[in-house]
Protein backbone atom coordinates (compact mmCIF):
# COMPACT_ATOMS: atom_id res chain seq x y z
CA UNK A 1 20.66 14.87 -13.80
CA UNK A 2 21.26 16.95 -17.05
CA UNK A 3 19.80 14.26 -19.40
CA UNK A 4 17.20 13.28 -17.24
CA UNK A 5 15.78 16.37 -17.08
CA UNK A 6 16.08 17.14 -20.87
CA UNK A 7 14.47 13.65 -21.76
CA UNK A 8 11.79 14.03 -19.32
CA UNK A 9 10.53 17.48 -20.34
CA UNK A 10 11.47 17.23 -23.73
CA UNK A 11 13.78 19.94 -24.23
CA UNK A 12 10.86 22.10 -23.93
CA UNK A 13 11.87 23.95 -20.67
CA UNK A 14 15.68 23.93 -21.82
CA UNK A 15 16.80 23.99 -18.79
CA UNK A 16 18.42 21.37 -15.97
CA UNK A 17 19.84 21.13 -12.48
CA UNK A 18 23.47 21.54 -12.27
CA UNK A 19 25.52 19.33 -9.35
CA UNK A 20 25.69 22.25 -6.82
CA UNK A 21 22.16 22.54 -7.27
CA UNK A 22 21.07 19.61 -5.86
CA UNK A 23 23.84 19.30 -3.66
CA UNK A 24 23.01 22.60 -2.03
CA UNK A 25 19.37 21.53 -1.70
CA UNK A 26 20.43 17.97 -0.35
CA UNK A 27 22.36 20.07 2.07
CA UNK A 28 19.68 22.40 3.69
CA UNK A 29 16.48 19.85 3.56
CA UNK A 30 17.63 15.96 2.54
CA UNK A 31 14.62 14.69 3.17
CA UNK A 32 12.68 16.58 0.09
CA UNK A 33 14.70 15.55 -2.47
CA UNK A 34 14.14 12.12 -3.86
CA UNK A 35 15.07 10.14 -6.56
CA UNK A 36 13.98 6.47 -8.03
CA UNK A 37 16.07 4.37 -9.71
CA UNK A 38 15.58 1.33 -11.59
CA UNK A 39 18.11 -1.24 -12.48
CA UNK A 40 21.10 1.64 -11.49
CA UNK A 41 19.25 4.29 -13.86
CA UNK A 42 17.60 7.00 -12.70
CA UNK A 43 14.18 7.20 -13.41
CA UNK A 44 11.91 9.83 -11.75
CA UNK A 45 12.83 12.48 -8.93
CA UNK A 46 11.34 15.04 -7.18
CA UNK A 47 12.69 18.18 -5.43
CA UNK A 48 10.79 20.41 -2.36
CA UNK A 49 11.49 23.44 -0.14
CA UNK A 50 9.70 24.08 2.89
CA UNK A 51 8.50 27.73 3.09
CA UNK A 52 6.42 29.96 5.06
CA UNK A 53 3.73 30.03 2.80
CA UNK A 54 2.20 33.87 4.61
CA UNK A 55 5.85 35.47 2.96
CA UNK A 56 4.91 34.02 -0.57
CA UNK A 57 3.17 36.95 -2.94
CA UNK A 58 0.20 35.26 -4.43
CA UNK A 59 1.44 36.23 -7.83
CA UNK A 60 5.10 34.76 -7.38
CA UNK A 61 6.95 32.98 -10.06
CA UNK A 62 8.99 30.09 -10.21
CA UNK A 63 12.20 32.44 -9.84
CA UNK A 64 10.89 34.00 -6.88
CA UNK A 65 10.64 30.36 -4.86
CA UNK A 66 14.35 29.23 -5.93
CA UNK A 67 16.17 32.77 -5.82
CA UNK A 68 18.53 32.38 -8.64
CA UNK A 69 19.08 28.90 -7.50
CA UNK A 70 19.98 29.74 -4.27
CA UNK A 71 16.96 28.40 -2.46
CA UNK A 72 16.77 31.09 0.52
CA UNK A 73 13.67 30.28 0.55
CA UNK A 74 14.13 27.55 2.48
CA UNK A 75 12.43 28.03 5.76
CA UNK A 76 12.63 24.59 8.31
CA UNK A 77 10.29 26.58 10.47
CA UNK A 78 7.83 27.11 7.76
CA UNK A 79 4.55 25.65 7.45
CA UNK A 80 4.37 24.43 3.74
CA UNK A 81 5.86 21.93 1.10
CA UNK A 82 6.73 23.69 -1.95
CA UNK A 83 7.64 21.56 -5.26
CA UNK A 84 9.90 22.81 -7.34
CA UNK A 85 10.64 19.96 -9.66
CA UNK A 86 8.81 16.16 -10.50
CA UNK A 87 9.80 13.99 -13.22
CA UNK A 88 9.51 10.80 -14.52
CA UNK A 89 11.45 9.63 -17.66
CA UNK A 90 9.43 8.76 -20.49
CA UNK A 91 10.92 4.45 -20.91
CA UNK A 92 9.55 4.37 -17.19
CA UNK A 93 6.70 6.22 -17.71
CA UNK A 94 3.32 3.77 -16.95
CA UNK A 95 4.56 2.27 -14.16
CA UNK A 96 2.86 4.63 -11.73
CA UNK A 97 6.30 6.15 -10.07
CA UNK A 98 4.99 9.44 -10.55
CA UNK A 99 2.72 8.85 -7.59
CA UNK A 100 5.23 7.00 -5.91
CA UNK A 101 6.48 10.21 -5.66
CA UNK A 102 3.51 11.95 -4.79
CA UNK A 103 2.78 9.68 -2.03
CA UNK A 104 5.94 9.85 -0.47
CA UNK A 105 5.73 13.87 -0.34
CA UNK A 106 2.28 13.61 1.21
CA UNK A 107 3.92 11.35 4.24
CA UNK A 108 7.04 13.65 3.94
CA UNK A 109 4.11 16.25 4.68
CA UNK A 110 2.72 14.17 7.43
CA UNK A 111 5.54 13.82 9.20
CA UNK A 112 6.77 17.13 9.55
CA UNK A 113 3.18 17.93 10.06
CA UNK A 114 2.78 20.80 7.46
CA UNK A 115 -0.15 22.48 6.31
CA UNK A 116 -0.53 20.94 2.91
CA UNK A 117 1.77 20.65 -0.55
CA UNK A 118 2.32 23.45 -3.07
CA UNK A 119 3.55 23.89 -6.36
CA UNK A 120 3.00 25.75 -9.48
CA UNK A 121 1.92 23.10 -12.12
CA UNK A 122 2.83 23.17 -16.04
CA UNK A 123 -0.09 23.28 -18.84
CA UNK A 124 1.78 21.74 -21.24
CA UNK A 125 -1.39 21.58 -23.99
CA UNK A 126 -2.62 24.68 -23.48
CA UNK A 127 -0.30 25.77 -26.66
CA UNK A 128 -2.73 24.29 -29.08
CA UNK A 129 -6.14 25.63 -27.71
CA UNK A 130 -4.94 29.83 -26.23
CA UNK A 131 -6.49 31.14 -29.24
CA UNK A 132 -9.98 29.66 -28.24
CA UNK A 133 -9.92 29.36 -24.51
CA UNK A 134 -8.77 31.51 -20.91
CA UNK A 135 -6.66 29.65 -18.65
CA UNK A 136 -9.51 29.66 -16.69
CA UNK A 137 -11.69 27.95 -19.49
CA UNK A 138 -9.04 26.00 -20.33
CA UNK A 139 -8.67 23.96 -16.49
CA UNK A 140 -12.99 24.03 -16.48
CA UNK A 141 -12.32 22.06 -19.81
CA UNK A 142 -9.43 19.18 -18.39
CA UNK A 143 -11.37 19.03 -15.28
CA UNK A 144 -14.66 17.86 -17.17
CA UNK A 145 -12.44 15.63 -19.46
CA UNK A 146 -13.36 17.66 -22.43
CA UNK A 147 -9.71 18.16 -23.00
CA UNK A 148 -6.43 16.31 -21.77
CA UNK A 149 -3.89 17.60 -19.79
CA UNK A 150 -1.41 14.76 -18.75
CA UNK A 151 0.05 16.86 -16.11
CA UNK A 152 -3.58 18.35 -14.83
CA UNK A 153 -5.50 15.42 -15.26
CA UNK A 154 -2.57 13.61 -13.51
CA UNK A 155 -2.15 16.29 -10.44
CA UNK A 156 -5.97 16.17 -9.51
CA UNK A 157 -5.57 12.26 -9.61
CA UNK A 158 -3.32 12.84 -6.92
CA UNK A 159 -5.89 14.90 -4.74
CA UNK A 160 -4.65 17.85 -5.56
CA UNK A 161 -7.04 20.73 -6.15
CA UNK A 162 -6.20 24.08 -8.22
CA UNK A 163 -5.86 27.61 -5.96
CA UNK A 164 -5.42 30.25 -8.77
CA UNK A 165 -3.56 31.14 -12.05
CA UNK A 166 -0.64 32.83 -12.41
CA UNK A 167 0.60 34.46 -15.34
CA UNK A 168 4.69 34.33 -16.47
CA UNK A 169 4.94 31.58 -13.77
CA UNK A 170 7.93 29.89 -15.27
CA UNK A 171 10.20 31.76 -18.80
CA UNK A 172 10.57 30.10 -21.51
CA UNK A 173 7.41 27.15 -20.79
CA UNK A 174 6.35 28.49 -24.38
CA UNK A 175 4.05 25.11 -24.21
CA UNK A 176 2.09 26.44 -21.40
CA UNK A 177 2.24 30.30 -22.55
CA UNK A 178 4.11 30.88 -19.61
CA UNK A 179 0.79 29.80 -16.99
CA UNK A 180 0.97 27.63 -14.24
CA UNK A 181 -2.09 26.56 -12.44
CA UNK A 182 -0.74 26.63 -8.24
CA UNK A 183 -1.83 23.38 -7.16
CA UNK A 184 -2.59 22.51 -3.64
CA UNK A 185 -2.77 19.52 -1.25
CA UNK A 186 -4.21 19.94 2.31
CA UNK A 187 -3.33 17.16 4.98
CA UNK A 188 -6.19 16.64 7.01
CA UNK A 189 -3.52 15.36 10.13
CA UNK A 190 -1.75 18.82 10.02
CA UNK A 191 -2.13 19.80 14.19
CA UNK A 192 -0.62 22.04 16.09
CA UNK A 193 3.52 22.94 15.33
CA UNK A 194 6.06 19.78 15.85
CA UNK A 195 8.96 19.77 12.94
CA UNK A 196 10.08 16.69 14.61
CA UNK A 197 9.84 14.41 11.74
CA UNK A 198 9.13 10.86 12.16
CA UNK A 199 10.15 7.41 9.97
CA UNK A 200 7.61 5.01 12.08
CA UNK A 201 4.12 4.95 10.83
CA UNK A 202 1.67 5.05 13.32
CA UNK A 203 -1.53 4.79 11.29
CA UNK A 204 -1.93 1.93 9.37
CA UNK A 205 -4.66 1.47 6.51
CA UNK A 206 -5.37 -2.34 5.80
CA UNK A 207 -7.47 -3.15 2.60
CA UNK A 208 -8.94 -6.29 2.93
CA UNK A 209 -10.55 -7.73 -0.17
CA UNK A 210 -13.24 -10.74 0.38
CA UNK A 211 -12.94 -12.64 -2.98
CA UNK A 212 -15.69 -14.19 -5.38
CA UNK A 213 -15.09 -17.38 -6.18
CA UNK A 214 -16.22 -17.74 -9.99
CA UNK A 215 -14.85 -19.24 -13.37
CA UNK A 216 -12.16 -17.34 -15.26
CA UNK A 217 -10.80 -17.89 -18.40
CA UNK A 218 -7.58 -18.70 -16.97
CA UNK A 219 -4.37 -16.81 -15.72
CA UNK A 220 -4.71 -13.78 -17.21
CA UNK A 221 -8.44 -13.00 -16.55
CA UNK A 222 -7.87 -13.93 -12.96
CA UNK A 223 -5.05 -11.39 -12.59
CA UNK A 224 -7.05 -8.51 -13.82
CA UNK A 225 -9.23 -9.33 -11.11
CA UNK A 226 -6.32 -9.37 -8.66
CA UNK A 227 -5.53 -5.97 -10.40
CA UNK A 228 -8.41 -4.32 -10.06
CA UNK A 229 -9.19 -5.28 -6.22
CA UNK A 230 -5.42 -3.59 -5.62
CA UNK A 231 -6.04 -0.91 -7.46
CA UNK A 232 -8.97 -0.36 -5.50
CA UNK A 233 -7.62 -0.51 -1.92
CA UNK A 234 -4.32 1.62 -3.06
CA UNK A 235 -6.93 4.24 -4.17
CA UNK A 236 -7.60 4.68 -0.68
CA UNK A 237 -3.88 4.38 -0.13
CA UNK A 238 -3.70 0.99 1.75
CA UNK A 239 -0.92 0.15 3.38
CA UNK A 240 -1.73 -3.60 2.70
CA UNK A 241 -4.23 -5.65 0.46
CA UNK A 242 -4.77 -8.94 1.88
CA UNK A 243 -5.97 -12.21 -0.07
CA UNK A 244 -8.08 -15.13 0.95
CA UNK A 245 -6.26 -18.56 1.31
CA UNK A 246 -6.43 -20.25 -2.17
CA UNK A 247 -8.11 -17.59 -3.81
CA UNK A 248 -6.23 -18.93 -7.49
CA UNK A 249 -9.02 -22.22 -6.84
CA UNK A 250 -10.87 -21.17 -9.65
CA UNK A 251 -7.62 -21.85 -12.23
CA UNK A 252 -8.23 -25.53 -10.37
CA UNK A 253 -11.61 -26.40 -13.29
CA UNK A 254 -9.24 -26.99 -15.60
CA UNK A 255 -8.08 -29.82 -14.46
CA UNK A 256 -11.40 -31.38 -12.43
CA UNK A 257 -11.19 -34.41 -14.71
CA UNK A 258 -7.89 -35.26 -12.58
CA UNK A 259 -7.22 -36.83 -8.96
CA UNK A 260 -7.96 -34.24 -7.19
CA UNK A 261 -3.99 -34.76 -5.69
CA UNK A 262 -2.67 -34.33 -9.32
CA UNK A 263 -5.24 -31.11 -9.86
CA UNK A 264 -4.00 -29.38 -6.72
CA UNK A 265 -0.50 -30.15 -7.92
CA UNK A 266 -1.40 -28.48 -11.36
CA UNK A 267 -2.86 -25.41 -9.75
CA UNK A 268 0.58 -25.11 -8.28
CA UNK A 269 2.18 -24.60 -10.95
CA UNK A 270 0.76 -21.63 -11.76
CA UNK A 271 2.13 -19.98 -8.25
CA UNK A 272 6.00 -18.82 -9.11
CA UNK A 273 4.01 -16.98 -11.92
CA UNK A 274 1.35 -15.14 -9.55
CA UNK A 275 3.09 -14.47 -7.23
CA UNK A 276 5.81 -12.66 -9.87
CA UNK A 277 3.31 -10.59 -11.20
CA UNK A 278 1.33 -9.44 -7.74
CA UNK A 279 5.09 -8.30 -6.54
CA UNK A 280 5.26 -6.06 -10.05
CA UNK A 281 1.67 -5.00 -8.70
CA UNK A 282 3.03 -3.98 -5.14
CA UNK A 283 5.65 -1.95 -6.80
CA UNK A 284 2.89 -0.16 -9.06
CA UNK A 285 0.42 0.75 -6.97
CA UNK A 286 2.63 1.23 -3.57
CA UNK A 287 0.85 -1.22 -1.57
CA UNK A 288 2.49 -4.06 0.35
CA UNK A 289 0.12 -7.33 -0.93
CA UNK A 290 -0.53 -10.29 1.37
CA UNK A 291 -1.23 -12.67 -1.04
CA UNK A 292 -2.85 -15.04 0.94
CA UNK A 293 -2.42 -18.90 0.11
CA UNK A 294 -1.50 -21.12 -2.80
CA UNK A 295 -0.23 -24.81 -3.27
CA UNK A 296 3.51 -24.92 -3.85
CA UNK A 297 5.42 -27.79 -4.49
CA UNK A 298 9.16 -27.69 -2.93
CA UNK A 299 11.18 -31.00 -3.76
CA UNK A 300 8.06 -33.02 -5.03
CA UNK A 301 7.08 -31.69 -1.52
CA UNK A 302 3.46 -30.41 -1.65
CA UNK A 303 3.08 -26.75 0.61
CA UNK A 304 0.09 -24.44 1.71
CA UNK A 305 2.29 -21.17 1.47
CA UNK A 306 1.85 -17.86 0.71
CA UNK A 307 4.03 -14.41 -0.11
CA UNK A 308 4.40 -10.98 1.69
CA UNK A 309 5.49 -8.84 -1.10
CA UNK A 310 6.66 -5.26 -0.15
CA UNK A 311 6.13 -2.39 -2.23
CA UNK A 312 9.97 -1.93 -2.12
CA UNK A 313 10.57 -5.00 -4.20
CA UNK A 314 11.17 -7.25 -1.80
CA UNK A 315 9.40 -10.73 -1.04
CA UNK A 316 9.59 -13.20 2.07
CA UNK A 317 7.63 -16.13 2.82
CA UNK A 318 5.20 -18.11 4.75
CA UNK A 319 4.01 -21.56 5.60
CA UNK A 320 0.72 -22.90 6.82
CA UNK A 321 2.02 -24.72 9.83
CA UNK A 322 -1.27 -26.95 10.34
CA UNK A 323 -2.89 -28.55 7.49
CA UNK A 324 -6.38 -29.40 7.97
CA UNK A 325 -7.46 -32.83 8.33
CA UNK A 326 -9.34 -32.38 4.93
CA UNK A 327 -5.76 -30.97 3.36
CA UNK A 328 -4.17 -34.07 4.21
CA UNK A 329 -6.36 -36.78 3.14
CA UNK A 330 -7.74 -35.29 -0.06
CA UNK A 331 -4.47 -33.42 -1.16
CA UNK A 332 -1.73 -34.99 0.29
CA UNK A 333 -0.57 -32.10 1.91
CA UNK A 334 2.00 -31.47 4.28
CA UNK A 335 2.78 -29.50 7.55
CA UNK A 336 5.20 -26.31 6.72
CA UNK A 337 8.27 -25.37 9.42
CA UNK A 338 8.70 -21.46 9.06
CA UNK A 339 7.04 -19.02 11.35
CA UNK A 340 8.54 -15.50 11.85
CA UNK A 341 7.19 -11.82 11.92
CA UNK A 342 8.12 -9.38 9.00
CA UNK A 343 9.49 -6.26 9.13
CA UNK A 344 7.47 -3.57 6.97
CA UNK A 345 7.10 0.32 6.92
CA UNK A 346 3.89 -0.03 8.77
CA UNK A 347 4.73 -2.02 11.59
CA UNK A 348 5.90 -5.40 12.05
CA UNK A 349 3.49 -7.92 10.92
CA UNK A 350 2.76 -12.02 11.04
CA UNK A 351 0.88 -14.43 8.99
CA UNK A 352 -1.37 -17.46 9.99
CA UNK A 353 -3.10 -19.20 7.63
CA UNK A 354 -6.73 -20.17 8.71
CA UNK A 355 -6.14 -23.07 10.34
CA UNK A 356 -2.86 -21.98 12.15
CA UNK A 357 -4.96 -19.06 13.84
CA UNK A 358 -6.61 -22.23 16.40
CA UNK A 359 -3.64 -22.45 17.78
CA UNK A 360 -2.02 -20.26 20.24
CA UNK A 361 1.03 -20.96 20.77
CA UNK A 362 1.73 -19.94 16.88
CA UNK A 363 0.39 -15.76 17.41
CA UNK A 364 2.34 -15.99 20.89
CA UNK A 365 5.51 -16.80 19.25
CA UNK A 366 4.82 -13.64 17.24
CA UNK A 367 3.97 -11.87 19.80
CA UNK A 368 7.18 -12.47 21.55
CA UNK A 369 8.82 -10.63 18.76
CA UNK A 370 6.84 -7.78 18.48
CA UNK A 371 4.43 -8.45 16.14
CA UNK A 372 2.09 -5.32 15.55
CA UNK A 373 -0.41 -6.68 12.80
CA UNK A 374 -1.44 -10.77 12.52
CA UNK A 375 -3.09 -11.22 9.12
CA UNK A 376 -5.17 -14.38 8.70
CA UNK A 377 -6.18 -15.41 5.30
CA UNK A 378 -8.70 -18.23 5.33
CA UNK A 379 -11.15 -20.05 3.18
CA UNK A 380 -14.14 -22.15 5.51
CA UNK A 381 -16.69 -23.86 3.71
CA UNK A 382 -19.49 -23.70 6.10
CA UNK A 383 -20.61 -20.92 8.97
CA UNK A 384 -19.04 -23.63 12.01
CA UNK A 385 -15.71 -23.68 10.11
CA UNK A 386 -16.00 -19.69 10.03
CA UNK A 387 -16.83 -19.51 13.79
CA UNK A 388 -13.78 -21.12 14.75
CA UNK A 389 -11.49 -19.12 12.81
CA UNK A 390 -13.33 -15.61 13.99
CA UNK A 391 -13.48 -16.26 17.30
CA UNK A 392 -10.18 -17.99 17.63
CA UNK A 393 -8.61 -14.57 15.41
CA UNK A 394 -10.79 -12.23 17.94
CA UNK A 395 -8.71 -13.97 20.72
CA UNK A 396 -5.82 -13.69 19.10
CA UNK A 397 -5.83 -10.03 19.29
CA UNK A 398 -6.85 -9.71 23.26
CA UNK A 399 -4.38 -12.37 24.45
CA UNK A 400 -1.55 -11.01 22.26
CA UNK A 401 -2.63 -7.02 22.22
CA UNK A 402 -2.27 -6.75 18.52
CA UNK A 403 -5.08 -5.86 15.58
CA UNK A 404 -6.17 -9.30 13.70
CA UNK A 405 -7.10 -9.66 9.87
CA UNK A 406 -8.97 -11.70 8.60
CA UNK A 407 -9.57 -12.21 4.74
CA UNK A 408 -11.50 -15.01 3.19
CA UNK A 409 -13.72 -16.03 -0.04
CA UNK A 410 -17.12 -16.16 -0.38
CA UNK A 411 -19.07 -18.03 -3.32
CA UNK A 412 -18.95 -21.52 -4.84
CA UNK A 413 -16.92 -23.23 -7.67
CA UNK A 414 -19.08 -26.33 -8.58
CA UNK A 415 -17.02 -27.24 -11.33
CA UNK A 416 -13.83 -27.60 -8.76
CA UNK A 417 -13.95 -30.56 -6.50
CA UNK A 418 -13.57 -30.40 -3.04
CA UNK A 419 -13.42 -26.25 -3.25
CA UNK A 420 -17.40 -26.43 -3.60
CA UNK A 421 -18.86 -23.55 -1.69
CA UNK A 422 -17.26 -20.62 0.63
CA UNK A 423 -18.40 -19.13 3.69
CA UNK A 424 -16.90 -15.41 4.81
CA UNK A 425 -17.10 -12.18 6.53
CA UNK A 426 -13.64 -10.78 6.35
CA UNK A 427 -12.98 -8.76 9.89
CA UNK A 428 -10.64 -6.28 11.35
CA UNK A 429 -10.19 -7.02 15.35
CA UNK A 430 -8.94 -4.80 17.97
CA UNK A 431 -8.20 -5.55 21.53
CA UNK A 432 -11.40 -4.64 24.07
CA UNK A 433 -9.94 -1.68 26.09
CA UNK A 434 -11.25 1.65 26.66
CA UNK A 435 -8.91 2.88 23.51
CA UNK A 436 -10.18 0.21 21.17
CA UNK A 437 -13.99 -0.97 20.32
CA UNK A 438 -15.75 -2.40 22.68
CA UNK A 439 -16.77 -5.67 21.02
CA UNK A 440 -13.06 -5.52 19.67
CA UNK A 441 -14.21 -4.97 16.12
CA UNK A 442 -12.82 -2.42 14.34
CA UNK A 443 -14.68 -3.18 11.08
CA UNK A 444 -15.93 -6.23 9.21
CA UNK A 445 -17.58 -6.95 5.84
CA UNK A 446 -21.45 -8.11 5.01
CA UNK A 447 -21.21 -11.86 4.99
CA UNK A 448 -21.19 -13.69 1.67
CA UNK A 449 -20.41 -10.19 -0.22
CA UNK A 450 -17.72 -9.71 -2.61
CA UNK A 451 -16.21 -6.55 -1.20
CA UNK A 452 -13.62 -4.86 0.17
CA UNK A 453 -12.87 -3.74 3.26
CA UNK A 454 -10.64 -0.24 4.11
CA UNK A 455 -9.92 0.52 8.15
CA UNK A 456 -7.59 2.10 10.07
CA UNK A 457 -5.10 0.65 12.47
CA UNK A 458 -3.32 3.19 15.07
CA UNK A 459 -0.26 1.13 16.85
CA UNK A 460 0.42 4.18 19.20
CA UNK A 461 -2.66 2.82 20.56
CA UNK A 462 -0.91 -0.60 21.16
CA UNK A 463 2.32 0.79 22.61
CA UNK A 464 -0.18 2.53 25.29
CA UNK A 465 -2.41 -0.19 25.92
CA UNK A 466 0.96 -2.67 26.98
CA UNK A 467 1.34 -0.46 29.51
CA UNK A 468 -1.56 1.74 30.57
CA UNK A 469 -3.98 -1.27 29.56
CA UNK A 470 -7.28 -1.99 32.30
CA UNK A 471 -5.41 -5.19 31.92
CA UNK A 472 -1.96 -6.67 30.70
CA UNK A 473 -1.87 -10.02 28.47
CA UNK A 474 1.56 -9.63 27.88
CA UNK A 475 3.12 -8.14 30.90
CA UNK A 476 0.84 -10.46 33.37
CA UNK A 477 1.99 -13.53 32.09
CA UNK A 478 3.31 -16.47 34.46
CA UNK A 479 6.88 -17.08 32.63
CA UNK A 480 7.78 -17.93 36.22
CA UNK A 481 5.16 -20.39 35.82
CA UNK A 482 4.76 -21.68 31.91
CA UNK A 483 6.39 -20.14 28.67
CA UNK A 484 6.13 -20.86 24.97
CA UNK A 485 9.27 -22.16 23.17
CA UNK A 486 10.25 -22.53 19.26
CA UNK A 487 12.15 -26.27 19.07
CA UNK A 488 13.86 -25.37 15.57
CA UNK A 489 14.28 -22.11 15.78
């Protein structure tokens, strides 16, 4: 911790945390102390306390907060999370790890039902301008992007706003001339005090990408567009980014002179690289990614598969169980045999690729495993095909008492055989009951338009529905009369 602190601050503060400090912090408030390790190395750290903010003087100093390293101001019954340190080692900067630490604090604040987060932010570039501008003027210059301050810019980009300037906040911080900006983040979900922490996320934010098919100049060009959309939905703090089926089909244009079965296998050669890069994006942008689907060759057999890239770096694979007649006839696509639910930090999910959503047995098996959200990446060329997917997806939401999110592609690919046109209207569907939209549609995109769709779904409402719904589709099933079983468990 000593070397990491000194390296992160470049020796500016000439201070570091000792083992007894960390031991004390973890003993009084373990949830408030978090580290990031990469390959066994300490990459970053965030330390915090809970304080009763009414007892904190407006012009307090850093020493007042930590009280000689005894941390006596920590109050488990307080109402504000006070950040006392956060850093990322220089060699790990640029990976958005700082945002991961801030996101952790925000979620902790919400789970503990605290009013917000407060800390004293340094102004490490102020020494360059102290003869020209007052601290207040300096902050305004930074706010208007006339001056770059890495700390203040990072904090404001993470939804923190300045409250006041404190003089003499941190002794020895010559870069900031010992000034600090008291920064604050407000918890909009704050309600009456409830101090019980919860690790279960009940409100989940979905980010659906309605992907425009267009020519790309190779894999890097396509992945630039992928990252653009991941960045867009993660900026809204989405828990999931969902891509459509065969979103990477434009890369087949290079092989359009080949027979279709050869071209699709050439497209499959990109799959591993795309998955690896999307896995990195999930970590970097702190979001779970449903990769849609892509062709993949396993033991010389062609499948339609996709991956769940969790934001903790783990990876799961799913397969299309029912291939369409066209996929089998034109490409030689084979049926998959893997079906299961996936545990995530935002509920238990299932994924069915396009045509699979039209077979109710599959989603029923997933529902029996406790699925909360069913994701359906799809690709349909006509409105007829789209209607089949949409109407079946809505039925799956009702009969399985779950949320269903469908994401498809729009546009056309005149230079790719068997992928000429696409029709889509991505949407999030719900059960039809009093706690949900009466038509079972939570949100939907504009048809045939490239865009994102961000929607919140409340898993707590599903729990209530299972027991107190006007009808109980799961509980009222006549298992004494019929059942759905898996043959190859």
